[in-house]
Amino acid sequence: MSNAPLNGNNMTRILIAGMLLAVVGVGSFVLIWGMMGSAGVANLPRLLVSMCIPPAIIALIMGVYILVTRSKADD
């Protein structure tokens, strides 16, 4: 197996991870938008919160992944 960063196996894993993160981002946007709408929140705060929370969720997922894989690599 090659150590090149973009070999076939790595590219497939990267694409799958990117698609999953995109689904998480869109899904959390729709979920937050709907929950805040049913709570009667005005459109501007709904939009701002719905646009800011999903990237934070994605960053949290990526941070945990990096911390977990780094700790395994150190062992």
Protein backbone atom coordinates (compact mmCIF):
# COMPACT_ATOMS: atom_id res chain seq x y z
CA MET A 1 0.00 0.00 0.00
CA SER A 2 1.28 3.45 -0.92
CA ASN A 3 1.98 6.21 1.58
CA ALA A 4 0.78 8.88 -0.86
CA PRO A 5 -1.80 11.10 0.85
CA LEU A 6 -4.37 10.78 -1.94
CA ASN A 7 -4.24 7.13 -2.93
CA GLY A 8 -7.47 5.31 -3.79
CA ASN A 9 -8.28 4.05 -0.29
CA ASN A 10 -7.67 7.40 1.38
CA MET A 11 -9.67 9.29 -1.23
CA THR A 12 -12.69 7.04 -0.72
CA ARG A 13 -12.51 7.50 3.06
CA ILE A 14 -12.15 11.27 2.66
CA LEU A 15 -15.17 11.46 0.36
CA ILE A 16 -17.33 9.36 2.67
CA ALA A 17 -16.30 11.44 5.70
CA GLY A 18 -17.04 14.66 3.80
CA MET A 19 -20.47 13.43 2.75
CA LEU A 20 -21.30 12.37 6.31
CA LEU A 21 -20.21 15.73 7.69
CA ALA A 22 -22.30 17.52 5.05
CA VAL A 23 -25.35 15.44 5.98
CA VAL A 24 -24.78 16.23 9.66
CA GLY A 25 -24.49 19.95 8.86
CA VAL A 26 -27.60 20.12 6.69
CA GLY A 27 -29.58 17.90 9.04
CA SER A 28 -28.68 19.97 12.09
CA PHE A 29 -29.57 23.18 10.22
CA VAL A 30 -33.00 21.84 9.32
CA LEU A 31 -33.55 20.46 12.83
CA ILE A 32 -32.55 23.71 14.56
CA TRP A 33 -34.57 25.80 12.09
CA GLY A 34 -37.66 23.68 12.65
CA MET A 35 -37.34 23.56 16.43
CA MET A 36 -36.85 27.31 16.70
CA GLY A 37 -39.72 27.91 14.30
CA SER A 38 -42.08 25.82 16.38
CA ALA A 39 -40.96 27.78 19.45
CA GLY A 40 -42.06 31.00 17.74
CA VAL A 41 -38.62 32.60 17.31
CA ALA A 42 -38.37 35.38 14.69
CA ASN A 43 -36.72 34.60 11.36
CA LEU A 44 -33.46 36.55 11.78
CA PRO A 45 -32.39 34.92 15.08
CA ARG A 46 -33.49 31.54 13.68
CA LEU A 47 -31.30 32.04 10.64
CA LEU A 48 -28.27 33.24 12.58
CA VAL A 49 -28.40 30.42 15.12
CA SER A 50 -29.16 27.81 12.46
CA MET A 51 -26.19 28.98 10.39
CA CYS A 52 -23.71 29.14 13.30
CA ILE A 53 -24.42 25.95 15.26
CA PRO A 54 -23.87 23.32 12.48
CA PRO A 55 -20.27 24.41 11.73
CA ALA A 56 -19.56 24.27 15.47
CA ILE A 57 -20.97 20.73 15.59
CA ILE A 58 -18.81 19.71 12.61
CA ALA A 59 -15.73 21.30 14.23
CA LEU A 60 -16.46 19.41 17.45
CA ILE A 61 -16.74 16.11 15.55
CA MET A 62 -13.46 16.79 13.72
CA GLY A 63 -11.70 17.80 16.94
CA VAL A 64 -12.76 14.65 18.75
CA TYR A 65 -11.70 12.55 15.76
CA ILE A 66 -8.27 14.17 15.66
CA LEU A 67 -7.77 13.76 19.41
CA VAL A 68 -8.81 10.10 19.30
CA THR A 69 -6.63 9.22 16.30
CA ARG A 70 -3.64 11.11 17.73
CA SER A 71 -3.88 9.23 21.01
CA LYS A 72 -4.02 5.90 19.15
CA ALA A 73 -1.02 6.86 17.02
CA ASP A 74 1.04 7.66 20.12
CA ASP A 75 0.49 4.18 21.57
